[in-house]
Each structure stands twice: as C-alpha cells, then as structure tokens.
N, C-alpha and C. Protein backbone atom coordinates (compact mmCIF):
# COMPACT_ATOMS: atom_id res chain seq x y z
N MET A 1 -61.27 13.41 9.64
CA MET A 1 -60.07 12.61 9.86
C MET A 1 -59.05 13.46 10.60
N ILE A 2 -58.49 12.87 11.60
CA ILE A 2 -57.50 13.58 12.39
C ILE A 2 -56.13 13.38 11.77
N LYS A 3 -55.48 14.49 11.45
CA LYS A 3 -54.13 14.40 10.90
C LYS A 3 -53.13 14.42 12.04
N ARG A 4 -52.28 13.45 12.04
CA ARG A 4 -51.27 13.37 13.09
C ARG A 4 -49.92 13.81 12.54
N ASN A 5 -49.29 14.64 13.28
CA ASN A 5 -47.95 15.05 12.91
C ASN A 5 -46.95 14.00 13.39
N ILE A 6 -46.10 13.58 12.49
CA ILE A 6 -45.08 12.61 12.87
C ILE A 6 -43.85 13.38 13.34
N LEU A 7 -43.58 13.27 14.62
CA LEU A 7 -42.48 14.01 15.20
C LEU A 7 -41.22 13.16 15.20
N VAL A 8 -40.17 13.70 14.66
CA VAL A 8 -38.89 13.00 14.67
C VAL A 8 -38.08 13.53 15.82
N PRO A 9 -37.63 12.68 16.71
CA PRO A 9 -36.83 13.15 17.85
C PRO A 9 -35.65 13.96 17.38
N ALA A 10 -35.31 14.97 18.20
CA ALA A 10 -34.23 15.88 17.81
C ALA A 10 -32.94 15.14 17.55
N PHE A 11 -32.64 14.15 18.40
CA PHE A 11 -31.35 13.46 18.23
C PHE A 11 -31.34 12.66 16.94
N ALA A 12 -32.56 12.13 16.55
CA ALA A 12 -32.62 11.36 15.31
C ALA A 12 -32.42 12.26 14.11
N THR A 13 -33.05 13.46 14.19
CA THR A 13 -32.87 14.41 13.09
C THR A 13 -31.41 14.80 12.96
N PHE A 14 -30.76 15.05 14.10
CA PHE A 14 -29.34 15.42 14.06
C PHE A 14 -28.51 14.28 13.47
N ALA A 15 -28.85 13.05 13.85
CA ALA A 15 -28.07 11.91 13.36
C ALA A 15 -28.20 11.78 11.85
N ILE A 16 -29.45 12.00 11.35
CA ILE A 16 -29.66 11.89 9.91
C ILE A 16 -28.89 12.96 9.17
N VAL A 17 -29.01 14.20 9.67
CA VAL A 17 -28.31 15.30 9.01
C VAL A 17 -26.81 15.12 9.08
N ALA A 18 -26.34 14.70 10.26
CA ALA A 18 -24.89 14.54 10.43
C ALA A 18 -24.34 13.45 9.54
N SER A 19 -25.20 12.46 9.23
CA SER A 19 -24.73 11.36 8.40
C SER A 19 -24.63 11.73 6.94
N LEU A 20 -25.28 12.84 6.56
CA LEU A 20 -25.23 13.25 5.16
C LEU A 20 -23.96 14.03 4.90
N PRO A 21 -23.16 13.63 3.90
CA PRO A 21 -21.91 14.34 3.65
C PRO A 21 -22.17 15.73 3.11
N SER A 22 -21.33 16.66 3.52
CA SER A 22 -21.43 18.02 3.00
C SER A 22 -21.01 18.04 1.54
N GLU A 23 -21.31 19.16 0.88
CA GLU A 23 -20.90 19.28 -0.51
C GLU A 23 -19.40 19.17 -0.63
N ALA A 24 -18.69 19.79 0.31
CA ALA A 24 -17.23 19.74 0.26
C ALA A 24 -16.73 18.32 0.45
N ALA A 25 -17.37 17.62 1.43
CA ALA A 25 -16.95 16.24 1.68
C ALA A 25 -17.21 15.36 0.47
N ARG A 26 -18.41 15.56 -0.16
CA ARG A 26 -18.71 14.76 -1.34
C ARG A 26 -17.71 15.05 -2.44
N GLY A 27 -17.32 16.32 -2.55
CA GLY A 27 -16.36 16.67 -3.57
C GLY A 27 -15.01 16.02 -3.32
N ASP A 28 -14.56 16.04 -2.04
CA ASP A 28 -13.29 15.42 -1.69
C ASP A 28 -13.33 13.92 -1.95
N ARG A 29 -14.46 13.32 -1.57
CA ARG A 29 -14.58 11.88 -1.77
C ARG A 29 -14.56 11.55 -3.25
N GLY A 30 -15.22 12.38 -4.04
CA GLY A 30 -15.23 12.15 -5.47
C GLY A 30 -13.85 12.25 -6.07
N ALA A 31 -13.05 13.18 -5.52
CA ALA A 31 -11.69 13.32 -6.02
C ALA A 31 -10.84 12.10 -5.70
N ARG A 32 -11.11 11.49 -4.50
CA ARG A 32 -10.33 10.32 -4.11
C ARG A 32 -10.79 9.08 -4.87
N ASN A 33 -12.11 8.94 -5.04
CA ASN A 33 -12.66 7.73 -5.65
C ASN A 33 -12.92 7.96 -7.14
N LEU A 34 -11.87 8.24 -7.86
CA LEU A 34 -12.01 8.44 -9.29
C LEU A 34 -12.26 7.12 -9.98
N ASP A 35 -12.74 7.22 -11.20
CA ASP A 35 -13.00 6.04 -12.01
C ASP A 35 -11.72 5.20 -12.10
N PRO A 36 -11.78 3.90 -11.73
CA PRO A 36 -10.57 3.07 -11.74
C PRO A 36 -9.88 3.04 -13.09
N GLU A 37 -10.66 2.99 -14.16
CA GLU A 37 -10.05 2.93 -15.48
C GLU A 37 -9.31 4.22 -15.80
N ALA A 38 -9.86 5.36 -15.37
CA ALA A 38 -9.18 6.64 -15.60
C ALA A 38 -7.89 6.69 -14.80
N LYS A 39 -7.93 6.18 -13.58
CA LYS A 39 -6.74 6.14 -12.74
C LYS A 39 -5.67 5.28 -13.37
N VAL A 40 -6.06 4.10 -13.84
CA VAL A 40 -5.11 3.19 -14.48
C VAL A 40 -4.51 3.82 -15.72
N GLU A 41 -5.35 4.51 -16.49
CA GLU A 41 -4.86 5.14 -17.71
C GLU A 41 -3.79 6.18 -17.42
N ARG A 42 -4.00 6.97 -16.35
CA ARG A 42 -3.01 7.98 -16.00
C ARG A 42 -1.69 7.33 -15.58
N ILE A 43 -1.78 6.30 -14.73
CA ILE A 43 -0.57 5.61 -14.29
C ILE A 43 0.12 4.96 -15.48
N PHE A 44 -0.67 4.32 -16.32
CA PHE A 44 -0.12 3.62 -17.47
C PHE A 44 0.64 4.58 -18.38
N ASN A 45 0.03 5.72 -18.66
CA ASN A 45 0.66 6.68 -19.57
C ASN A 45 1.95 7.26 -18.99
N LYS A 46 2.01 7.39 -17.66
CA LYS A 46 3.25 7.87 -17.04
C LYS A 46 4.37 6.85 -17.17
N LEU A 47 4.04 5.57 -17.07
CA LEU A 47 5.05 4.53 -17.16
C LEU A 47 5.41 4.20 -18.60
N ASP A 48 4.45 4.30 -19.49
CA ASP A 48 4.69 4.00 -20.91
C ASP A 48 5.34 5.21 -21.57
N THR A 49 6.61 5.42 -21.28
CA THR A 49 7.28 6.66 -21.68
C THR A 49 7.46 6.80 -23.19
N ASP A 50 7.48 5.69 -23.92
CA ASP A 50 7.63 5.80 -25.38
C ASP A 50 6.30 5.80 -26.12
N GLY A 51 5.19 5.72 -25.35
CA GLY A 51 3.86 5.79 -25.95
C GLY A 51 3.52 4.63 -26.86
N SER A 52 4.12 3.47 -26.61
CA SER A 52 3.89 2.31 -27.49
C SER A 52 2.62 1.55 -27.17
N GLY A 53 2.00 1.83 -26.02
CA GLY A 53 0.81 1.09 -25.61
C GLY A 53 1.13 -0.15 -24.82
N ILE A 54 2.40 -0.41 -24.60
CA ILE A 54 2.86 -1.54 -23.79
C ILE A 54 4.00 -1.06 -22.90
N ILE A 55 3.96 -1.42 -21.63
CA ILE A 55 5.04 -1.04 -20.72
C ILE A 55 6.08 -2.16 -20.70
N THR A 56 7.30 -1.82 -21.07
CA THR A 56 8.39 -2.79 -21.05
C THR A 56 9.01 -2.86 -19.66
N LEU A 57 9.85 -3.86 -19.46
CA LEU A 57 10.49 -4.02 -18.16
C LEU A 57 11.38 -2.82 -17.83
N SER A 58 12.09 -2.31 -18.81
CA SER A 58 12.97 -1.17 -18.55
C SER A 58 12.16 0.06 -18.16
N GLU A 59 11.01 0.26 -18.79
CA GLU A 59 10.13 1.37 -18.41
C GLU A 59 9.57 1.15 -17.00
N TRP A 60 9.23 -0.08 -16.69
CA TRP A 60 8.63 -0.42 -15.41
C TRP A 60 9.61 -0.19 -14.25
N THR A 61 10.89 -0.51 -14.47
CA THR A 61 11.87 -0.43 -13.39
C THR A 61 12.55 0.94 -13.30
N ALA A 62 12.27 1.83 -14.22
CA ALA A 62 12.92 3.15 -14.20
C ALA A 62 12.55 3.94 -12.95
N LYS A 63 11.29 3.92 -12.58
CA LYS A 63 10.83 4.67 -11.41
C LYS A 63 11.40 4.09 -10.11
N PRO A 64 11.38 2.76 -9.90
CA PRO A 64 12.00 2.21 -8.68
C PRO A 64 13.48 2.56 -8.56
N ALA A 65 14.19 2.56 -9.69
CA ALA A 65 15.61 2.92 -9.65
C ALA A 65 15.78 4.37 -9.24
N GLU A 66 14.90 5.23 -9.73
CA GLU A 66 14.94 6.64 -9.35
C GLU A 66 14.61 6.82 -7.87
N LYS A 67 13.62 6.09 -7.39
CA LYS A 67 13.23 6.17 -5.99
C LYS A 67 14.34 5.65 -5.07
N ALA A 68 15.09 4.65 -5.55
CA ALA A 68 16.16 4.09 -4.74
C ALA A 68 17.19 5.17 -4.39
N ALA A 69 17.51 6.01 -5.35
CA ALA A 69 18.47 7.09 -5.10
C ALA A 69 17.94 8.07 -4.07
N GLN A 70 16.64 8.36 -4.13
CA GLN A 70 16.04 9.27 -3.16
C GLN A 70 16.02 8.65 -1.77
N MET A 71 15.66 7.37 -1.71
CA MET A 71 15.63 6.67 -0.42
C MET A 71 17.03 6.60 0.19
N PHE A 72 18.01 6.35 -0.66
CA PHE A 72 19.39 6.24 -0.18
C PHE A 72 19.84 7.56 0.44
N ALA A 73 19.55 8.66 -0.23
CA ALA A 73 19.95 9.97 0.27
C ALA A 73 19.32 10.26 1.63
N ARG A 74 18.07 9.86 1.82
CA ARG A 74 17.40 10.10 3.10
C ARG A 74 17.96 9.20 4.20
N ALA A 75 18.27 7.95 3.85
CA ALA A 75 18.73 6.99 4.87
C ALA A 75 20.18 7.22 5.27
N ASP A 76 20.99 7.71 4.36
CA ASP A 76 22.42 7.92 4.64
C ASP A 76 22.58 9.21 5.44
N SER A 77 22.26 9.13 6.71
CA SER A 77 22.20 10.33 7.54
C SER A 77 23.56 10.98 7.77
N ASP A 78 24.65 10.21 7.72
CA ASP A 78 25.97 10.80 7.93
C ASP A 78 26.69 11.13 6.63
N ASP A 79 26.01 10.93 5.51
CA ASP A 79 26.53 11.30 4.18
C ASP A 79 27.90 10.69 3.89
N ASP A 80 28.07 9.43 4.28
CA ASP A 80 29.35 8.77 3.97
C ASP A 80 29.25 7.87 2.75
N GLY A 81 28.09 7.88 2.08
CA GLY A 81 27.92 7.07 0.88
C GLY A 81 27.58 5.63 1.16
N LEU A 82 27.26 5.32 2.42
CA LEU A 82 26.91 3.96 2.80
C LEU A 82 25.77 4.02 3.82
N ILE A 83 24.93 2.99 3.83
CA ILE A 83 23.87 2.87 4.83
C ILE A 83 24.25 1.76 5.79
N SER A 84 24.42 2.12 7.04
CA SER A 84 24.72 1.12 8.06
C SER A 84 23.43 0.46 8.53
N LEU A 85 23.56 -0.61 9.29
CA LEU A 85 22.38 -1.27 9.84
C LEU A 85 21.62 -0.31 10.75
N GLU A 86 22.33 0.48 11.52
CA GLU A 86 21.68 1.44 12.41
C GLU A 86 20.87 2.45 11.61
N GLU A 87 21.43 2.98 10.54
CA GLU A 87 20.71 3.93 9.69
C GLU A 87 19.50 3.27 9.05
N PHE A 88 19.67 2.02 8.64
CA PHE A 88 18.57 1.28 8.01
C PHE A 88 17.41 1.09 8.98
N LEU A 89 17.74 0.72 10.21
CA LEU A 89 16.69 0.51 11.22
C LEU A 89 16.05 1.84 11.64
N ASP A 90 16.86 2.90 11.72
CA ASP A 90 16.31 4.21 12.07
C ASP A 90 15.32 4.67 11.02
N ARG A 91 15.63 4.44 9.77
CA ARG A 91 14.73 4.84 8.69
C ARG A 91 13.40 4.11 8.80
N GLY A 92 13.43 2.81 9.12
CA GLY A 92 12.19 2.05 9.28
C GLY A 92 11.37 2.53 10.45
N SER A 93 12.06 2.90 11.55
CA SER A 93 11.34 3.41 12.72
C SER A 93 10.68 4.74 12.42
N ASP A 94 11.38 5.62 11.71
CA ASP A 94 10.81 6.92 11.35
C ASP A 94 9.60 6.75 10.45
N ARG A 95 9.66 5.81 9.54
CA ARG A 95 8.55 5.60 8.62
C ARG A 95 7.33 5.07 9.35
N ARG A 96 7.55 4.16 10.29
CA ARG A 96 6.41 3.62 11.05
C ARG A 96 5.79 4.69 11.93
N ARG A 97 6.64 5.54 12.54
CA ARG A 97 6.11 6.60 13.39
C ARG A 97 5.31 7.61 12.59
N GLY A 98 5.62 7.74 11.29
CA GLY A 98 4.95 8.73 10.48
C GLY A 98 3.65 8.28 9.87
N ARG A 99 3.22 7.05 10.13
CA ARG A 99 1.97 6.57 9.55
C ARG A 99 0.78 7.20 10.24
N PRO A 100 -0.04 7.93 9.49
CA PRO A 100 -1.20 8.56 10.11
C PRO A 100 -2.36 7.58 10.27
N GLY A 101 -3.18 7.82 11.28
CA GLY A 101 -4.44 7.08 11.40
C GLY A 101 -4.31 5.65 11.87
N ARG A 102 -3.16 5.27 12.43
CA ARG A 102 -3.01 3.89 12.87
C ARG A 102 -2.44 3.81 14.29
N PRO A 103 -2.97 4.61 15.21
CA PRO A 103 -2.39 4.64 16.56
C PRO A 103 -2.58 3.34 17.32
N ASP A 104 -3.61 2.57 16.98
CA ASP A 104 -3.89 1.36 17.74
C ASP A 104 -3.57 0.10 16.96
N PHE A 105 -2.77 0.23 15.90
CA PHE A 105 -2.51 -0.95 15.08
C PHE A 105 -1.68 -1.99 15.83
N ASP A 106 -0.90 -1.53 16.82
CA ASP A 106 -0.10 -2.48 17.59
C ASP A 106 -0.98 -3.44 18.38
N GLU A 107 -2.26 -3.09 18.60
CA GLU A 107 -3.16 -3.97 19.31
C GLU A 107 -3.60 -5.16 18.45
N ILE A 108 -3.38 -5.06 17.15
CA ILE A 108 -3.82 -6.11 16.25
C ILE A 108 -2.88 -7.31 16.34
N ASP A 109 -3.47 -8.49 16.47
CA ASP A 109 -2.70 -9.73 16.47
C ASP A 109 -2.32 -10.05 15.03
N ARG A 110 -1.05 -9.94 14.72
CA ARG A 110 -0.61 -10.11 13.33
C ARG A 110 -0.85 -11.54 12.83
N ASP A 111 -0.63 -12.52 13.69
CA ASP A 111 -0.85 -13.91 13.27
C ASP A 111 -2.32 -14.16 12.97
N GLU A 112 -3.19 -13.62 13.81
CA GLU A 112 -4.63 -13.78 13.58
C GLU A 112 -5.06 -13.04 12.33
N LEU A 113 -4.48 -11.86 12.10
CA LEU A 113 -4.78 -11.10 10.90
C LEU A 113 -4.36 -11.87 9.66
N ARG A 114 -3.19 -12.44 9.71
CA ARG A 114 -2.68 -13.22 8.59
C ARG A 114 -3.60 -14.41 8.29
N ALA A 115 -4.01 -15.12 9.34
CA ALA A 115 -4.89 -16.28 9.17
C ALA A 115 -6.23 -15.87 8.57
N CYS A 116 -6.75 -14.72 9.01
CA CYS A 116 -8.03 -14.22 8.49
C CYS A 116 -7.93 -13.92 7.01
N VAL A 117 -6.86 -13.24 6.60
CA VAL A 117 -6.69 -12.87 5.19
C VAL A 117 -6.49 -14.12 4.34
N GLU A 118 -5.70 -15.05 4.83
CA GLU A 118 -5.46 -16.28 4.07
C GLU A 118 -6.74 -17.10 3.91
N ALA A 119 -7.56 -17.13 4.96
CA ALA A 119 -8.82 -17.86 4.89
C ALA A 119 -9.76 -17.23 3.86
N ALA A 120 -9.75 -15.89 3.80
CA ALA A 120 -10.66 -15.19 2.88
C ALA A 120 -10.20 -15.27 1.43
N THR A 121 -8.89 -15.28 1.22
CA THR A 121 -8.36 -15.26 -0.15
C THR A 121 -7.99 -16.64 -0.68
N GLY A 122 -7.77 -17.58 0.24
CA GLY A 122 -7.32 -18.90 -0.18
C GLY A 122 -5.86 -18.91 -0.59
N GLU A 123 -5.14 -17.83 -0.29
CA GLU A 123 -3.74 -17.72 -0.65
C GLU A 123 -2.86 -17.79 0.60
N THR A 124 -1.66 -18.31 0.43
CA THR A 124 -0.69 -18.30 1.52
C THR A 124 0.18 -17.07 1.36
N LEU A 125 0.14 -16.19 2.33
CA LEU A 125 0.88 -14.95 2.24
C LEU A 125 2.35 -15.18 2.54
N PRO A 126 3.24 -14.49 1.82
CA PRO A 126 4.67 -14.64 2.11
C PRO A 126 5.02 -14.03 3.45
N GLU A 127 5.93 -14.66 4.13
CA GLU A 127 6.38 -14.13 5.42
C GLU A 127 7.18 -12.85 5.19
N ARG A 128 6.91 -11.83 5.99
CA ARG A 128 7.68 -10.60 5.90
C ARG A 128 8.92 -10.74 6.76
N PRO A 129 10.11 -10.63 6.15
CA PRO A 129 11.32 -10.82 6.94
C PRO A 129 11.55 -9.69 7.93
N GLU A 130 12.29 -9.99 8.96
CA GLU A 130 12.67 -8.98 9.94
C GLU A 130 13.59 -7.94 9.28
N PRO A 131 13.62 -6.72 9.83
CA PRO A 131 14.45 -5.67 9.23
C PRO A 131 15.91 -6.08 9.06
N GLU A 132 16.46 -6.79 10.04
CA GLU A 132 17.85 -7.23 9.93
C GLU A 132 18.04 -8.18 8.75
N ALA A 133 17.06 -9.06 8.55
CA ALA A 133 17.14 -10.00 7.43
C ALA A 133 17.03 -9.27 6.09
N ARG A 134 16.18 -8.23 6.03
CA ARG A 134 16.07 -7.44 4.80
C ARG A 134 17.39 -6.72 4.51
N PHE A 135 18.01 -6.19 5.57
CA PHE A 135 19.30 -5.52 5.40
C PHE A 135 20.33 -6.49 4.83
N ASP A 136 20.40 -7.69 5.40
CA ASP A 136 21.37 -8.68 4.94
C ASP A 136 21.11 -9.08 3.49
N ALA A 137 19.84 -9.16 3.10
CA ALA A 137 19.51 -9.54 1.73
C ALA A 137 19.95 -8.47 0.74
N ILE A 138 19.84 -7.20 1.12
CA ILE A 138 20.25 -6.11 0.24
C ILE A 138 21.77 -5.99 0.19
N ASP A 139 22.43 -6.26 1.33
CA ASP A 139 23.89 -6.15 1.43
C ASP A 139 24.54 -7.37 0.79
N THR A 140 24.52 -7.42 -0.52
CA THR A 140 25.02 -8.60 -1.23
C THR A 140 26.54 -8.76 -1.11
N SER A 141 27.26 -7.69 -0.79
CA SER A 141 28.71 -7.79 -0.64
C SER A 141 29.12 -8.28 0.75
N ASP A 142 28.14 -8.36 1.65
CA ASP A 142 28.37 -8.85 3.02
C ASP A 142 29.46 -8.04 3.75
N ASP A 143 29.49 -6.73 3.48
CA ASP A 143 30.48 -5.90 4.17
C ASP A 143 29.87 -5.12 5.33
N GLY A 144 28.59 -5.37 5.61
CA GLY A 144 27.93 -4.70 6.73
C GLY A 144 27.37 -3.34 6.38
N PHE A 145 27.39 -3.00 5.10
CA PHE A 145 26.84 -1.72 4.65
C PHE A 145 26.09 -1.92 3.33
N ILE A 146 25.13 -1.01 3.09
CA ILE A 146 24.41 -1.01 1.81
C ILE A 146 24.87 0.21 1.03
N ASP A 147 25.34 -0.03 -0.22
CA ASP A 147 25.67 1.11 -1.06
C ASP A 147 24.53 1.35 -2.05
N LEU A 148 24.64 2.42 -2.82
CA LEU A 148 23.56 2.79 -3.73
C LEU A 148 23.28 1.72 -4.76
N ASP A 149 24.33 1.10 -5.28
CA ASP A 149 24.13 0.06 -6.30
C ASP A 149 23.35 -1.12 -5.73
N GLU A 150 23.66 -1.49 -4.48
CA GLU A 150 22.96 -2.62 -3.86
C GLU A 150 21.49 -2.29 -3.62
N LEU A 151 21.21 -1.08 -3.14
CA LEU A 151 19.83 -0.70 -2.90
C LEU A 151 19.06 -0.61 -4.21
N THR A 152 19.68 -0.05 -5.23
CA THR A 152 19.02 0.04 -6.54
C THR A 152 18.72 -1.35 -7.09
N ALA A 153 19.69 -2.25 -6.98
CA ALA A 153 19.50 -3.62 -7.47
C ALA A 153 18.35 -4.30 -6.75
N ALA A 154 18.23 -4.08 -5.44
CA ALA A 154 17.15 -4.69 -4.67
C ALA A 154 15.80 -4.15 -5.09
N LYS A 155 15.71 -2.83 -5.29
CA LYS A 155 14.45 -2.23 -5.70
C LYS A 155 14.06 -2.68 -7.10
N VAL A 156 15.02 -2.75 -7.99
CA VAL A 156 14.74 -3.19 -9.37
C VAL A 156 14.31 -4.66 -9.37
N ALA A 157 14.95 -5.48 -8.53
CA ALA A 157 14.59 -6.90 -8.46
C ALA A 157 13.16 -7.07 -7.97
N GLY A 158 12.78 -6.28 -6.95
CA GLY A 158 11.40 -6.35 -6.45
C GLY A 158 10.40 -5.91 -7.50
N ALA A 159 10.73 -4.84 -8.22
CA ALA A 159 9.84 -4.35 -9.28
C ALA A 159 9.72 -5.36 -10.40
N THR A 160 10.82 -6.05 -10.69
CA THR A 160 10.81 -7.07 -11.75
C THR A 160 9.89 -8.22 -11.40
N GLU A 161 9.90 -8.63 -10.13
CA GLU A 161 9.01 -9.70 -9.69
C GLU A 161 7.54 -9.30 -9.88
N LYS A 162 7.22 -8.06 -9.52
CA LYS A 162 5.85 -7.59 -9.70
C LYS A 162 5.48 -7.53 -11.18
N PHE A 163 6.42 -7.06 -12.00
CA PHE A 163 6.19 -7.00 -13.44
C PHE A 163 5.84 -8.37 -14.00
N GLU A 164 6.60 -9.38 -13.59
CA GLU A 164 6.37 -10.73 -14.10
C GLU A 164 5.04 -11.30 -13.63
N ARG A 165 4.60 -10.93 -12.42
CA ARG A 165 3.29 -11.39 -11.94
C ARG A 165 2.16 -10.72 -12.71
N ILE A 166 2.31 -9.43 -12.99
CA ILE A 166 1.26 -8.69 -13.68
C ILE A 166 1.20 -9.06 -15.16
N ASP A 167 2.32 -9.40 -15.75
CA ASP A 167 2.39 -9.79 -17.17
C ASP A 167 1.88 -11.22 -17.32
N THR A 168 0.57 -11.37 -17.23
CA THR A 168 -0.03 -12.71 -17.17
C THR A 168 0.07 -13.48 -18.48
N ASP A 169 0.24 -12.78 -19.61
CA ASP A 169 0.36 -13.51 -20.87
C ASP A 169 1.82 -13.74 -21.27
N ASP A 170 2.74 -13.36 -20.41
CA ASP A 170 4.17 -13.62 -20.61
C ASP A 170 4.70 -13.12 -21.95
N ASP A 171 4.26 -11.91 -22.34
CA ASP A 171 4.74 -11.36 -23.61
C ASP A 171 5.81 -10.28 -23.38
N ALA A 172 6.36 -10.24 -22.17
CA ALA A 172 7.42 -9.30 -21.81
C ALA A 172 6.94 -7.85 -21.83
N GLY A 173 5.65 -7.65 -21.62
CA GLY A 173 5.10 -6.31 -21.57
C GLY A 173 3.82 -6.28 -20.76
N VAL A 174 3.54 -5.17 -20.12
CA VAL A 174 2.30 -5.01 -19.36
C VAL A 174 1.35 -4.13 -20.14
N SER A 175 0.17 -4.66 -20.40
CA SER A 175 -0.85 -3.92 -21.13
C SER A 175 -1.75 -3.16 -20.17
N MET A 176 -2.59 -2.29 -20.72
CA MET A 176 -3.55 -1.55 -19.90
C MET A 176 -4.48 -2.51 -19.16
N GLU A 177 -4.91 -3.56 -19.86
CA GLU A 177 -5.85 -4.51 -19.25
C GLU A 177 -5.19 -5.27 -18.10
N GLU A 178 -3.92 -5.64 -18.26
CA GLU A 178 -3.22 -6.36 -17.20
C GLU A 178 -3.02 -5.46 -15.97
N MET A 179 -2.72 -4.20 -16.22
CA MET A 179 -2.55 -3.28 -15.10
C MET A 179 -3.86 -3.07 -14.36
N LEU A 180 -4.96 -2.92 -15.09
CA LEU A 180 -6.26 -2.75 -14.46
C LEU A 180 -6.61 -3.97 -13.62
N ALA A 181 -6.37 -5.16 -14.15
CA ALA A 181 -6.67 -6.38 -13.40
C ALA A 181 -5.82 -6.45 -12.12
N ALA A 182 -4.56 -6.03 -12.21
CA ALA A 182 -3.67 -6.07 -11.05
C ALA A 182 -4.13 -5.10 -9.98
N LEU A 183 -4.55 -3.89 -10.38
CA LEU A 183 -4.99 -2.90 -9.40
C LEU A 183 -6.33 -3.30 -8.78
N GLU A 184 -7.20 -3.91 -9.55
CA GLU A 184 -8.47 -4.38 -9.00
C GLU A 184 -8.23 -5.49 -7.97
N ALA A 185 -7.30 -6.40 -8.30
CA ALA A 185 -6.97 -7.47 -7.36
C ALA A 185 -6.36 -6.90 -6.08
N LYS A 186 -5.52 -5.87 -6.23
CA LYS A 186 -4.91 -5.24 -5.06
C LYS A 186 -5.97 -4.59 -4.19
N GLN A 187 -6.94 -3.93 -4.82
CA GLN A 187 -8.03 -3.29 -4.07
C GLN A 187 -8.85 -4.34 -3.32
N ASP A 188 -9.11 -5.48 -3.97
CA ASP A 188 -9.86 -6.56 -3.32
C ASP A 188 -9.11 -7.05 -2.08
N ARG A 189 -7.79 -7.25 -2.21
CA ARG A 189 -7.00 -7.71 -1.06
C ARG A 189 -7.00 -6.67 0.05
N ARG A 190 -6.94 -5.40 -0.32
CA ARG A 190 -6.94 -4.33 0.67
C ARG A 190 -8.26 -4.32 1.45
N GLU A 191 -9.38 -4.50 0.75
CA GLU A 191 -10.68 -4.52 1.41
C GLU A 191 -10.80 -5.71 2.36
N ILE A 192 -10.27 -6.85 1.94
CA ILE A 192 -10.30 -8.04 2.79
C ILE A 192 -9.48 -7.80 4.06
N ARG A 193 -8.31 -7.20 3.89
CA ARG A 193 -7.45 -6.93 5.04
C ARG A 193 -8.11 -5.95 6.00
N ARG A 194 -8.75 -4.91 5.44
CA ARG A 194 -9.46 -3.95 6.29
C ARG A 194 -10.57 -4.64 7.07
N ALA A 195 -11.29 -5.54 6.41
CA ALA A 195 -12.39 -6.24 7.08
C ALA A 195 -11.85 -7.10 8.21
N CYS A 196 -10.69 -7.74 8.00
CA CYS A 196 -10.10 -8.57 9.05
C CYS A 196 -9.62 -7.72 10.21
N VAL A 197 -9.05 -6.55 9.92
CA VAL A 197 -8.62 -5.64 10.98
C VAL A 197 -9.83 -5.14 11.76
N ASP A 198 -10.89 -4.76 11.05
CA ASP A 198 -12.11 -4.27 11.71
C ASP A 198 -12.71 -5.34 12.61
N GLU A 199 -12.64 -6.59 12.16
CA GLU A 199 -13.18 -7.69 12.97
C GLU A 199 -12.44 -7.79 14.30
N GLN A 200 -11.12 -7.68 14.25
CA GLN A 200 -10.35 -7.73 15.50
C GLN A 200 -10.64 -6.52 16.38
N ARG A 201 -10.74 -5.35 15.77
CA ARG A 201 -11.00 -4.13 16.55
C ARG A 201 -12.38 -4.20 17.20
N ASP A 202 -13.36 -4.75 16.47
CA ASP A 202 -14.70 -4.89 17.05
C ASP A 202 -14.67 -5.84 18.24
N MET A 203 -13.91 -6.92 18.10
CA MET A 203 -13.83 -7.87 19.21
C MET A 203 -13.15 -7.22 20.42
N LEU A 204 -12.08 -6.44 20.16
CA LEU A 204 -11.40 -5.76 21.25
C LEU A 204 -12.34 -4.75 21.93
N ALA A 205 -13.12 -4.04 21.11
CA ALA A 205 -14.04 -3.04 21.66
C ALA A 205 -15.12 -3.68 22.52
N LEU A 206 -15.60 -4.84 22.08
CA LEU A 206 -16.66 -5.52 22.80
C LEU A 206 -16.17 -6.17 24.10
N THR A 207 -14.92 -6.57 24.11
CA THR A 207 -14.41 -7.31 25.27
C THR A 207 -13.57 -6.45 26.19
N ALA A 208 -13.31 -5.18 25.79
CA ALA A 208 -12.48 -4.31 26.63
C ALA A 208 -13.21 -3.96 27.92
N GLU A 209 -12.44 -3.75 28.95
CA GLU A 209 -13.04 -3.39 30.24
C GLU A 209 -13.53 -1.95 30.22
C-alpha cells in the first residue's frame, strides 16, 4: 500500500496557526469575558452599600450623583460654576473624538441602523434628542446655563428611570436576579446592534469602488 503524505499549503498552515489565540490573548479574553453572574455579584455588592441584599433607590442613585460632580468639573472649563451651551457642546465633541475603534462609524446610516434594531427586537427605540435639546432639558431654570444642582438632578432622574425599569416586581428595590436579567437583556441588545452595524459595513465593503 502506498502511503500518501497529505501536504497542507503553507498559507493554509499559517492561517490556521494565526487563527489560534496565543496564551496571552486567551488570558486577556478570559479576563474580559468573566462569568456574568460573578460580574453581576461584584456590581451588586458595590451598589448594595448596607449589605441588605436589596439595592434601594438611594443606593442606586448615589453613584450617578457622584459622577455628576465629576462631569461638571470637567465641563466647566472656565471654572465659573456654570456650564454654558458652548462648554456643553465642547464636552460632547471631545467625548466623541475620544471613542476608540470607531473611525468609520460616521458611514453608518443611523436611520437604517435604527430600523434594523427595531425589526430585530420588536421594540420602538426612543429618539435621541439633539445636544441643544438635552442642554435645554437639563437647564430647568431657563437661564442659559447648567449649574451643579441641575446636572445632578438630571443624572439622578435618568438613574431613577432605569431603576424603575429594572425593578420588575415593583417592590422599591433591585434584587440580584433583577440586575442579572437587566444586564443579560442589555447584552442581547448590544449584540443585535453590532450585527446590524456589521450588516451595513459588509454592504458598504461589497459595493465600494
């Protein structure tokens, strides 16, 4: 019997080897993709400051209120204790410029992306207001400036809305199970959005000159 050697083309061998993650890469990936329940438990324990096993609204909104002060300090570039519309818009521009890994996101048709996500989820997504409209909504005194109290109130109000959505049994507290369900649903929506973005990018790649 003649034994035949099966020769694998060099480029195929390279492709197979290159596709295998290194030990370091596998380790990094493992660090990022931790067990969802362990991740939820860590987040839950940080928010449940009194260790009662239930996160109350005051515990839930403590972190957003703290973040509001940090955001205000960064946005108030002239240190006058107020955020003008110009400072507000500059902060948004800086944040968008700082997003890594999204150099071609402007090529994405936002209306088409929205329709794709809505078709996949069966949900109607809320319209994202323009920056000027967001500024006006936060500026409840209508004086043309945002002060720290107004920004804090806006952040706390947004956090409260999320708290009420996650508290599905309406017992005025978020349990570990409710938080896990909320994060799983968020991950599902994120994957759907990524798939819709990839679909548009594939179409652009196929039809580009």
